[in-house]
Protein backbone atom coordinates (compact mmCIF):
# COMPACT_ATOMS: atom_id res chain seq x y z
CA MET A 1 19.11 -14.10 -12.29
CA SER A 2 21.96 -11.66 -12.53
CA LEU A 3 23.12 -9.87 -9.41
CA THR A 4 22.40 -6.53 -11.08
CA THR A 5 18.77 -7.54 -11.68
CA LEU A 6 18.47 -8.79 -8.11
CA ILE A 7 19.74 -5.47 -6.78
CA TRP A 8 17.33 -3.42 -8.93
CA LEU A 9 14.47 -5.67 -7.76
CA PHE A 10 14.87 -4.14 -4.31
CA LEU A 11 12.97 -1.09 -5.55
CA VAL A 12 10.14 -3.30 -6.80
CA THR A 13 9.90 -5.25 -3.52
CA PHE A 14 10.03 -2.03 -1.53
CA LEU A 15 7.21 -0.49 -3.57
CA LEU A 16 5.03 -3.60 -3.47
CA HIS A 17 5.41 -3.83 0.29
CA ASP A 18 4.79 -0.15 0.88
CA LEU A 19 1.85 -0.05 -1.52
CA GLU A 20 0.10 -2.57 0.72
CA GLU A 21 0.75 -0.25 3.65
CA ILE A 22 -0.34 2.88 1.76
CA ILE A 23 -3.59 1.25 0.66
CA TRP A 24 -4.54 -0.19 4.05
CA VAL A 25 -3.05 2.11 6.70
CA GLY A 26 -5.81 4.74 6.62
CA PRO A 27 -8.82 2.39 6.70
CA TRP A 28 -7.06 0.08 9.16
CA ILE A 29 -6.33 2.92 11.60
CA ARG A 30 -9.90 4.23 11.39
CA LYS A 31 -11.24 0.75 12.17
CA ASN A 32 -8.68 -0.42 14.77
CA LYS A 33 -7.16 2.64 16.50
CA THR A 34 -9.15 2.28 19.73
CA LYS A 35 -8.58 -1.47 19.87
CA VAL A 36 -4.81 -1.03 19.37
CA LEU A 37 -4.48 1.71 21.99
CA GLN A 38 -6.34 -0.48 24.53
CA ARG A 39 -3.97 -3.41 23.95
CA VAL A 40 -0.75 -1.52 24.71
CA SER A 41 0.55 0.01 27.93
CA PRO A 42 -0.42 3.64 28.71
CA ARG A 43 3.17 4.77 28.10
CA VAL A 44 3.27 3.15 24.67
CA SER A 45 -0.28 4.28 23.96
CA LYS A 46 0.70 7.93 24.40
CA ARG A 47 3.53 7.67 21.84
CA LEU A 48 1.53 5.46 19.50
CA GLU A 49 -1.45 7.80 19.41
CA SER A 50 0.37 10.42 17.33
CA MET A 51 1.56 7.74 14.91
CA LEU A 52 -2.03 6.56 14.49
CA ARG A 53 -3.11 9.98 13.24
CA ILE A 54 -1.77 9.43 9.73
CA ASN A 55 -3.81 8.87 6.61
CA SER A 56 -2.80 6.90 3.53
CA SER A 57 -1.77 9.96 1.52
CA GLN A 58 0.42 11.28 4.34
CA PHE A 59 2.01 7.84 4.68
CA GLY A 60 2.66 7.87 0.95
CA VAL A 61 4.81 10.99 1.31
CA ALA A 62 7.14 9.10 3.67
CA VAL A 63 7.31 6.18 1.23
CA LEU A 64 8.13 8.55 -1.64
CA LEU A 65 10.94 10.17 0.34
CA GLU A 66 12.43 6.78 1.24
CA PHE A 67 12.14 5.63 -2.37
CA VAL A 68 13.97 8.71 -3.64
CA VAL A 69 16.74 8.16 -1.06
CA PHE A 70 17.09 4.48 -2.02
CA ILE A 71 17.43 5.02 -5.78
CA PRO A 72 21.01 6.38 -5.83
CA PHE A 73 22.24 3.65 -3.46
CA VAL A 74 20.61 0.95 -5.58
CA TYR A 75 22.23 2.48 -8.67
CA ILE A 76 25.65 2.62 -6.98
CA ALA A 77 25.35 -1.02 -5.88
CA ALA A 78 24.04 -2.32 -9.21
CA GLU A 79 26.29 -0.35 -11.52
CA TYR A 80 29.51 0.20 -9.51
CA GLY A 81 29.57 -2.70 -7.05
CA HIS A 82 29.65 -0.49 -3.95
CA TYR A 83 27.26 -2.46 -1.76
CA PHE A 84 27.51 -1.25 1.83
CA MET A 85 24.64 1.27 2.01
CA PHE A 86 22.49 -1.02 -0.13
CA LEU A 87 23.32 -3.81 2.31
CA ALA A 88 22.47 -1.57 5.26
CA PHE A 89 19.06 -0.68 3.83
CA ASN A 90 18.34 -4.30 3.00
CA THR A 91 19.41 -5.58 6.40
CA LEU A 92 16.96 -3.19 8.01
CA PHE A 93 14.29 -4.02 5.40
CA LEU A 94 14.63 -7.72 6.18
CA LEU A 95 14.52 -7.15 9.94
CA HIS A 96 11.46 -4.96 9.37
CA VAL A 97 9.58 -8.09 8.25
CA PHE A 98 9.71 -9.37 11.81
CA THR A 99 8.22 -6.15 13.20
CA HIS A 100 5.21 -6.72 10.96
CA ILE A 101 4.91 -10.33 12.08
CA GLY A 102 5.32 -9.30 15.73
CA GLN A 103 2.66 -6.58 15.46
CA SER A 104 0.15 -8.98 13.91
CA LEU A 105 0.84 -11.67 16.51
CA TYR A 106 0.71 -9.21 19.42
CA LEU A 107 -2.51 -7.57 18.22
CA LYS A 108 -3.94 -10.90 16.99
CA MET A 109 -5.06 -9.29 13.73
CA TYR A 110 -3.97 -8.27 10.28
CA THR A 111 -1.73 -5.22 10.29
CA PRO A 112 -0.95 -3.23 7.12
CA GLY A 113 2.12 -4.61 5.38
CA VAL A 114 2.28 -8.04 6.99
CA VAL A 115 1.14 -9.97 3.89
CA SER A 116 3.68 -8.39 1.53
CA ALA A 117 6.35 -8.55 4.23
CA VAL A 118 5.96 -12.32 4.52
CA CYS A 119 5.20 -13.10 0.87
CA ILE A 120 7.52 -10.65 -0.92
CA THR A 121 10.03 -8.93 1.37
CA LEU A 122 11.08 -12.02 3.32
CA PRO A 123 11.76 -14.25 0.27
CA TYR A 124 13.52 -11.40 -1.54
CA GLY A 125 15.69 -10.58 1.47
CA MET A 126 16.57 -14.20 2.14
CA TYR A 127 17.57 -14.74 -1.47
CA LEU A 128 19.52 -11.48 -1.64
CA PHE A 129 21.47 -12.34 1.51
CA TYR A 130 22.02 -15.91 0.32
CA ARG A 131 23.52 -14.58 -2.91
CA PHE A 132 25.59 -11.85 -1.22
CA LEU A 133 27.01 -14.24 1.38
CA ASN A 134 27.37 -17.28 -0.90
CA GLU A 135 29.16 -15.29 -3.61
CA GLY A 136 31.48 -13.62 -1.08
CA ILE A 137 30.16 -10.13 -1.82
CA VAL A 138 29.63 -9.48 1.88
CA THR A 139 30.52 -11.22 5.13
CA TRP A 140 28.38 -11.84 8.21
CA GLY A 141 30.50 -9.20 9.95
CA GLU A 142 29.55 -6.62 7.33
CA VAL A 143 25.89 -7.61 7.69
CA LEU A 144 26.08 -7.02 11.45
CA VAL A 145 27.91 -3.71 11.04
CA SER A 146 25.32 -2.61 8.48
CA ILE A 147 22.47 -2.78 11.01
CA PRO A 148 23.24 0.48 12.86
CA VAL A 149 24.15 2.16 9.57
CA GLY A 150 20.77 1.16 8.15
CA LEU A 151 19.12 3.01 11.02
CA VAL A 152 19.92 6.20 9.08
CA VAL A 153 16.64 5.50 7.30
CA LEU A 154 14.63 6.10 10.50
CA PRO A 155 15.06 9.90 10.53
CA ILE A 156 14.16 9.87 6.83
CA VAL A 157 10.95 8.00 7.63
CA MET A 158 10.13 10.39 10.48
CA LEU A 159 10.83 13.38 8.23
CA GLY A 160 8.59 11.85 5.57
CA HIS A 161 5.75 11.40 8.04
CA GLU A 162 6.12 14.98 9.25
CA LEU A 163 6.20 16.29 5.68
CA GLY A 164 3.10 14.23 4.92
CA ARG A 165 1.25 15.78 7.85
CA ARG A 166 2.28 19.29 6.80
CA LEU A 167 1.65 18.91 3.08
CA ILE A 168 -1.55 16.86 3.10
CA PRO A 169 -4.48 17.77 5.31
CA ASP A 170 -6.13 15.19 7.56
CA THR A 171 -9.21 13.55 6.10
């Protein structure tokens, strides 16, 4: 597979992963909200409660915003060979797999996104990093430096969730 194809496949893996979350987050929250809030400490419960007031459509707004932000960086990486922001997003995306695994293990149940994280995101990320490192496109140092840079996506996610709440009424 060409490196260009591999880079463009990020958008496909991102969408497949987030589609699982979009489909299941609303029904999952309705079914498991009380159970989840009982399993965490009161301090965490207070912060988590507002996050558990999102429906699938509102969550989709955040995914759309992220997707739109990712497109130019994927294009720049695939077509011009400028990889750093693409690397930063993918480093965070790969680490994100382990949050899904951790949530499912901690809660001892399925959590939205864990299946696609393990079956799609993890293999994609491992192969992408194998290729990037093996072909000398990036170094381990650049991977490490990319982690805090990738955190730039967090305010985008939060903005997306807030926009979702404002644009789409609760159901």
